[in-house]
């Protein structure tokens, strides 16, 4: 699953990952939480969530921690903004995120990060 409020970024990530994975997309934190919850209710499992930090309606850390409370899938938090290491370490220790990636990111690097995260 991919959640980013920038439609061009969301489309690019989806194209890059769709060659190897079944991909769901969401363009807001609320949509992400709703789709994620619906997938769980239908018995589906989302293996990885690629999540932008600064969404239009909420921050990615809030989405990540709410998803952790649902079932704790692996989350790759991505941001163009500077985020303190202590904050990221706290999110990791609380199992809200698996890893953090700073934008810009190439599609090859995104694919490699998803593959590496799936193996963790």
N, C-alpha and C. Protein backbone atom coordinates (compact mmCIF):
# COMPACT_ATOMS: atom_id res chain seq x y z
N UNK A 1 0.85 -1.18 0.00
CA UNK A 1 0.00 0.00 0.00
C UNK A 1 0.89 1.23 0.00
N UNK A 2 0.43 2.27 -0.70
CA UNK A 2 1.16 3.54 -0.77
C UNK A 2 0.21 4.65 -0.36
N UNK A 3 0.69 5.57 0.48
CA UNK A 3 -0.10 6.73 0.86
C UNK A 3 0.75 7.98 0.69
N UNK A 4 0.32 8.83 -0.23
CA UNK A 4 0.98 10.12 -0.47
C UNK A 4 -0.07 11.08 -0.99
N UNK A 5 -0.06 12.32 -0.52
CA UNK A 5 -1.07 13.28 -0.95
C UNK A 5 -0.71 13.99 -2.26
N UNK A 6 0.47 13.74 -2.79
CA UNK A 6 0.84 14.30 -4.08
C UNK A 6 0.53 13.27 -5.16
N UNK A 7 -0.43 13.58 -6.03
CA UNK A 7 -0.90 12.59 -7.01
C UNK A 7 0.20 12.11 -7.96
N UNK A 8 1.11 12.99 -8.37
CA UNK A 8 2.20 12.58 -9.27
C UNK A 8 3.13 11.59 -8.58
N UNK A 9 3.45 11.84 -7.32
CA UNK A 9 4.32 10.94 -6.56
C UNK A 9 3.62 9.61 -6.35
N UNK A 10 2.36 9.67 -5.97
CA UNK A 10 1.58 8.45 -5.75
C UNK A 10 1.55 7.59 -7.01
N UNK A 11 1.32 8.22 -8.16
CA UNK A 11 1.28 7.50 -9.43
C UNK A 11 2.64 6.90 -9.77
N UNK A 12 3.71 7.65 -9.57
CA UNK A 12 5.06 7.16 -9.87
C UNK A 12 5.42 5.96 -8.98
N UNK A 13 5.12 6.06 -7.69
CA UNK A 13 5.40 4.95 -6.78
C UNK A 13 4.59 3.72 -7.19
N UNK A 14 3.32 3.94 -7.54
CA UNK A 14 2.48 2.81 -7.93
C UNK A 14 3.02 2.12 -9.18
N UNK A 15 3.41 2.90 -10.17
CA UNK A 15 3.97 2.32 -11.40
C UNK A 15 5.23 1.52 -11.07
N UNK A 16 6.10 2.08 -10.24
CA UNK A 16 7.36 1.40 -9.89
C UNK A 16 7.10 0.08 -9.16
N UNK A 17 6.15 0.06 -8.26
CA UNK A 17 5.93 -1.13 -7.44
C UNK A 17 4.97 -2.14 -8.07
N UNK A 18 4.12 -1.69 -8.97
CA UNK A 18 3.13 -2.59 -9.58
C UNK A 18 3.74 -3.67 -10.45
N UNK A 19 4.98 -3.47 -10.89
CA UNK A 19 5.62 -4.50 -11.70
C UNK A 19 5.89 -5.77 -10.88
N UNK A 20 5.97 -5.65 -9.55
CA UNK A 20 6.26 -6.81 -8.71
C UNK A 20 5.22 -7.09 -7.63
N UNK A 21 4.40 -6.08 -7.34
CA UNK A 21 3.48 -6.22 -6.21
C UNK A 21 2.08 -5.77 -6.57
N UNK A 22 1.11 -6.29 -5.85
CA UNK A 22 -0.26 -5.79 -5.92
C UNK A 22 -0.28 -4.54 -5.04
N UNK A 23 -0.74 -3.41 -5.59
CA UNK A 23 -0.62 -2.13 -4.91
C UNK A 23 -1.97 -1.46 -4.71
N UNK A 24 -2.22 -1.04 -3.48
CA UNK A 24 -3.35 -0.19 -3.14
C UNK A 24 -2.81 1.22 -2.94
N UNK A 25 -3.60 2.24 -3.24
CA UNK A 25 -3.14 3.60 -3.01
C UNK A 25 -4.16 4.38 -2.20
N UNK A 26 -3.65 5.40 -1.50
CA UNK A 26 -4.48 6.33 -0.74
C UNK A 26 -3.82 7.69 -0.83
N UNK A 27 -4.65 8.73 -0.91
CA UNK A 27 -4.11 10.07 -1.07
C UNK A 27 -4.26 10.93 0.18
N UNK A 28 -4.68 10.32 1.29
CA UNK A 28 -4.77 11.05 2.56
C UNK A 28 -4.63 10.04 3.70
N UNK A 29 -4.35 10.57 4.86
CA UNK A 29 -4.22 9.70 6.03
C UNK A 29 -5.53 8.99 6.34
N UNK A 30 -6.62 9.73 6.27
CA UNK A 30 -7.93 9.15 6.56
C UNK A 30 -8.29 8.05 5.56
N UNK A 31 -8.04 8.30 4.28
CA UNK A 31 -8.31 7.29 3.26
C UNK A 31 -7.43 6.06 3.48
N UNK A 32 -6.19 6.29 3.85
CA UNK A 32 -5.27 5.18 4.11
C UNK A 32 -5.78 4.31 5.25
N UNK A 33 -6.17 4.93 6.35
CA UNK A 33 -6.68 4.18 7.50
C UNK A 33 -7.95 3.41 7.16
N UNK A 34 -8.85 4.05 6.40
CA UNK A 34 -10.10 3.38 6.01
C UNK A 34 -9.83 2.19 5.10
N UNK A 35 -9.00 2.39 4.08
CA UNK A 35 -8.70 1.28 3.15
C UNK A 35 -7.96 0.16 3.87
N UNK A 36 -7.03 0.53 4.73
CA UNK A 36 -6.27 -0.48 5.48
C UNK A 36 -7.21 -1.31 6.35
N UNK A 37 -8.08 -0.64 7.06
CA UNK A 37 -9.03 -1.33 7.92
C UNK A 37 -9.97 -2.22 7.11
N UNK A 38 -10.43 -1.74 5.96
CA UNK A 38 -11.30 -2.55 5.10
C UNK A 38 -10.58 -3.80 4.59
N UNK A 39 -9.30 -3.66 4.26
CA UNK A 39 -8.53 -4.82 3.81
C UNK A 39 -8.43 -5.86 4.94
N UNK A 40 -8.16 -5.39 6.15
CA UNK A 40 -8.08 -6.30 7.29
C UNK A 40 -9.41 -7.03 7.51
N UNK A 41 -10.50 -6.29 7.44
CA UNK A 41 -11.83 -6.88 7.65
C UNK A 41 -12.16 -7.92 6.59
N UNK A 42 -11.63 -7.72 5.37
CA UNK A 42 -11.91 -8.67 4.29
C UNK A 42 -10.98 -9.87 4.34
N UNK A 43 -10.05 -9.88 5.31
CA UNK A 43 -9.14 -11.00 5.45
C UNK A 43 -7.84 -10.84 4.68
N UNK A 44 -7.66 -9.72 4.01
CA UNK A 44 -6.42 -9.47 3.25
C UNK A 44 -5.34 -8.98 4.20
N UNK A 45 -4.10 -9.14 3.77
CA UNK A 45 -2.97 -8.66 4.56
C UNK A 45 -2.15 -7.70 3.72
N UNK A 46 -1.85 -6.57 4.29
CA UNK A 46 -0.97 -5.61 3.64
C UNK A 46 0.42 -5.83 4.24
N UNK A 47 1.38 -6.18 3.39
CA UNK A 47 2.72 -6.52 3.88
C UNK A 47 3.58 -5.31 4.19
N UNK A 48 3.43 -4.25 3.39
CA UNK A 48 4.24 -3.04 3.56
C UNK A 48 3.40 -1.83 3.21
N UNK A 49 3.58 -0.76 3.98
CA UNK A 49 2.95 0.53 3.68
C UNK A 49 4.06 1.55 3.45
N UNK A 50 4.07 2.14 2.25
CA UNK A 50 4.97 3.25 1.94
C UNK A 50 4.17 4.51 2.26
N UNK A 51 4.62 5.26 3.27
CA UNK A 51 3.82 6.33 3.86
C UNK A 51 4.57 7.65 3.86
N UNK A 52 3.98 8.65 3.23
CA UNK A 52 4.56 9.99 3.26
C UNK A 52 4.34 10.59 4.65
N UNK A 53 5.29 11.41 5.10
CA UNK A 53 5.18 12.00 6.43
C UNK A 53 4.17 13.14 6.48
N UNK A 54 4.24 14.03 5.52
CA UNK A 54 3.39 15.23 5.56
C UNK A 54 2.22 15.05 4.60
N UNK A 55 1.11 14.59 5.13
CA UNK A 55 -0.10 14.41 4.35
C UNK A 55 -0.99 15.64 4.54
N UNK A 56 -1.95 15.82 3.69
CA UNK A 56 -2.82 16.99 3.77
C UNK A 56 -3.67 17.04 5.03
N UNK A 57 -4.11 15.87 5.52
CA UNK A 57 -5.04 15.86 6.64
C UNK A 57 -4.43 15.44 7.98
N UNK A 58 -3.25 14.83 7.96
CA UNK A 58 -2.58 14.44 9.20
C UNK A 58 -1.13 14.09 8.89
N UNK A 59 -0.36 13.86 9.92
CA UNK A 59 1.04 13.49 9.73
C UNK A 59 1.19 11.97 9.66
N UNK A 60 2.19 11.54 8.94
CA UNK A 60 2.43 10.12 8.74
C UNK A 60 2.68 9.35 10.02
N UNK A 61 3.31 9.98 11.01
CA UNK A 61 3.56 9.26 12.27
C UNK A 61 2.24 8.91 12.97
N UNK A 62 1.25 9.77 12.85
CA UNK A 62 -0.06 9.48 13.44
C UNK A 62 -0.71 8.29 12.72
N UNK A 63 -0.65 8.29 11.39
CA UNK A 63 -1.19 7.17 10.60
C UNK A 63 -0.44 5.89 10.97
N UNK A 64 0.89 5.97 11.02
CA UNK A 64 1.71 4.78 11.31
C UNK A 64 1.37 4.17 12.66
N UNK A 65 1.22 5.00 13.68
CA UNK A 65 0.92 4.47 15.01
C UNK A 65 -0.50 3.90 15.10
N UNK A 66 -1.43 4.50 14.37
CA UNK A 66 -2.79 3.94 14.33
C UNK A 66 -2.80 2.58 13.63
N UNK A 67 -2.01 2.45 12.58
CA UNK A 67 -1.93 1.17 11.87
C UNK A 67 -1.23 0.13 12.74
N UNK A 68 -0.22 0.55 13.49
CA UNK A 68 0.43 -0.37 14.44
C UNK A 68 -0.61 -0.94 15.39
N UNK A 69 -1.53 -0.10 15.85
CA UNK A 69 -2.55 -0.56 16.78
C UNK A 69 -3.52 -1.54 16.14
N UNK A 70 -3.67 -1.48 14.80
CA UNK A 70 -4.56 -2.41 14.10
C UNK A 70 -3.91 -3.79 13.96
N UNK A 71 -2.68 -3.84 13.42
CA UNK A 71 -2.01 -5.13 13.30
C UNK A 71 -0.51 -5.04 13.08
N UNK A 72 0.02 -3.85 12.96
CA UNK A 72 1.47 -3.68 12.92
C UNK A 72 2.18 -4.11 11.66
N UNK A 73 1.70 -3.72 10.50
CA UNK A 73 2.41 -4.03 9.27
C UNK A 73 3.71 -3.23 9.20
N UNK A 74 4.59 -3.59 8.32
CA UNK A 74 5.86 -2.88 8.15
C UNK A 74 5.59 -1.56 7.43
N UNK A 75 6.14 -0.47 7.97
CA UNK A 75 5.90 0.85 7.40
C UNK A 75 7.22 1.52 7.05
N UNK A 76 7.28 1.99 5.80
CA UNK A 76 8.40 2.79 5.32
C UNK A 76 7.92 4.23 5.31
N UNK A 77 8.44 5.04 6.21
CA UNK A 77 8.07 6.45 6.27
C UNK A 77 9.01 7.23 5.36
N UNK A 78 8.43 8.07 4.51
CA UNK A 78 9.20 8.84 3.53
C UNK A 78 8.89 10.32 3.72
N UNK A 79 9.94 11.16 3.67
CA UNK A 79 9.70 12.59 3.80
C UNK A 79 10.79 13.41 3.14
N UNK A 80 10.39 14.57 2.62
CA UNK A 80 11.34 15.56 2.12
C UNK A 80 11.76 16.49 3.24
N UNK A 81 11.04 16.45 4.35
CA UNK A 81 11.30 17.32 5.49
C UNK A 81 12.35 16.71 6.41
N UNK A 82 13.05 17.58 7.12
CA UNK A 82 14.00 17.12 8.13
C UNK A 82 13.21 16.63 9.34
N UNK A 83 13.49 15.42 9.74
CA UNK A 83 12.85 14.85 10.92
C UNK A 83 13.97 14.42 11.85
N UNK A 84 13.88 14.77 13.11
CA UNK A 84 14.96 14.48 14.04
C UNK A 84 15.17 12.98 14.22
N UNK A 85 16.42 12.62 14.39
CA UNK A 85 16.76 11.21 14.59
C UNK A 85 16.11 10.67 15.86
N UNK A 86 16.03 11.49 16.91
CA UNK A 86 15.43 11.00 18.15
C UNK A 86 13.95 10.68 17.95
N UNK A 87 13.26 11.49 17.16
CA UNK A 87 11.85 11.24 16.86
C UNK A 87 11.70 9.95 16.05
N UNK A 88 12.54 9.79 15.02
CA UNK A 88 12.50 8.58 14.20
C UNK A 88 12.85 7.34 15.03
N UNK A 89 13.84 7.46 15.91
CA UNK A 89 14.21 6.33 16.77
C UNK A 89 13.05 5.96 17.69
N UNK A 90 12.35 6.97 18.20
CA UNK A 90 11.20 6.71 19.06
C UNK A 90 10.10 5.97 18.29
N UNK A 91 9.83 6.42 17.06
CA UNK A 91 8.82 5.74 16.23
C UNK A 91 9.21 4.29 15.96
N UNK A 92 10.51 4.06 15.74
CA UNK A 92 11.00 2.70 15.48
C UNK A 92 10.87 1.84 16.74
N UNK A 93 11.28 2.38 17.88
CA UNK A 93 11.20 1.63 19.14
C UNK A 93 9.77 1.28 19.50
N UNK A 94 8.83 2.16 19.16
CA UNK A 94 7.41 1.91 19.44
C UNK A 94 6.76 1.05 18.37
N UNK A 95 7.55 0.59 17.40
CA UNK A 95 7.07 -0.25 16.30
C UNK A 95 6.03 0.43 15.42
N UNK A 96 6.11 1.75 15.33
CA UNK A 96 5.21 2.48 14.42
C UNK A 96 5.77 2.46 13.01
N UNK A 97 7.09 2.52 12.87
CA UNK A 97 7.71 2.45 11.55
C UNK A 97 8.82 1.40 11.55
N UNK A 98 9.11 0.89 10.36
CA UNK A 98 10.20 -0.06 10.19
C UNK A 98 11.46 0.66 9.76
N UNK A 99 11.30 1.61 8.84
CA UNK A 99 12.45 2.35 8.33
C UNK A 99 12.02 3.73 7.86
N UNK A 100 13.00 4.61 7.67
CA UNK A 100 12.76 5.96 7.18
C UNK A 100 13.62 6.21 5.96
N UNK A 101 13.03 6.89 4.97
CA UNK A 101 13.75 7.24 3.74
C UNK A 101 13.54 8.73 3.48
N UNK A 102 14.62 9.42 3.19
CA UNK A 102 14.58 10.85 2.88
C UNK A 102 14.36 11.03 1.39
N UNK A 103 13.40 11.90 1.01
CA UNK A 103 13.19 12.25 -0.39
C UNK A 103 14.30 13.19 -0.83
N UNK A 104 14.64 13.25 -2.08
CA UNK A 104 14.07 12.47 -3.17
C UNK A 104 14.59 11.03 -3.16
N UNK A 105 13.79 10.15 -3.72
CA UNK A 105 14.15 8.74 -3.80
C UNK A 105 13.92 8.26 -5.23
N UNK A 106 14.87 7.51 -5.75
CA UNK A 106 14.69 6.95 -7.09
C UNK A 106 13.74 5.76 -7.00
N UNK A 107 13.14 5.42 -8.12
CA UNK A 107 12.22 4.29 -8.13
C UNK A 107 12.97 2.98 -7.86
N UNK A 108 14.19 2.87 -8.34
CA UNK A 108 15.00 1.68 -8.07
C UNK A 108 15.29 1.56 -6.58
N UNK A 109 15.59 2.68 -5.95
CA UNK A 109 15.86 2.68 -4.52
C UNK A 109 14.59 2.37 -3.73
N UNK A 110 13.45 2.88 -4.17
CA UNK A 110 12.18 2.58 -3.51
C UNK A 110 11.90 1.09 -3.58
N UNK A 111 12.07 0.51 -4.75
CA UNK A 111 11.84 -0.92 -4.92
C UNK A 111 12.78 -1.74 -4.03
N UNK A 112 14.03 -1.35 -3.97
CA UNK A 112 15.02 -2.04 -3.13
C UNK A 112 14.65 -1.92 -1.65
N UNK A 113 14.18 -0.75 -1.25
CA UNK A 113 13.79 -0.54 0.14
C UNK A 113 12.59 -1.41 0.51
N UNK A 114 11.62 -1.50 -0.39
CA UNK A 114 10.45 -2.36 -0.14
C UNK A 114 10.89 -3.81 -0.04
N UNK A 115 11.73 -4.25 -0.96
CA UNK A 115 12.20 -5.65 -0.93
C UNK A 115 12.96 -5.94 0.37
N UNK A 116 13.83 -5.03 0.77
CA UNK A 116 14.61 -5.20 2.00
C UNK A 116 13.68 -5.23 3.22
N UNK A 117 12.69 -4.36 3.23
CA UNK A 117 11.74 -4.30 4.34
C UNK A 117 10.93 -5.58 4.45
N UNK A 118 10.54 -6.14 3.34
CA UNK A 118 9.79 -7.40 3.35
C UNK A 118 10.60 -8.54 3.97
N UNK A 119 11.91 -8.47 3.84
CA UNK A 119 12.78 -9.53 4.36
C UNK A 119 13.08 -9.36 5.86
N UNK A 120 12.82 -8.18 6.41
CA UNK A 120 13.11 -7.93 7.82
C UNK A 120 12.14 -8.63 8.73
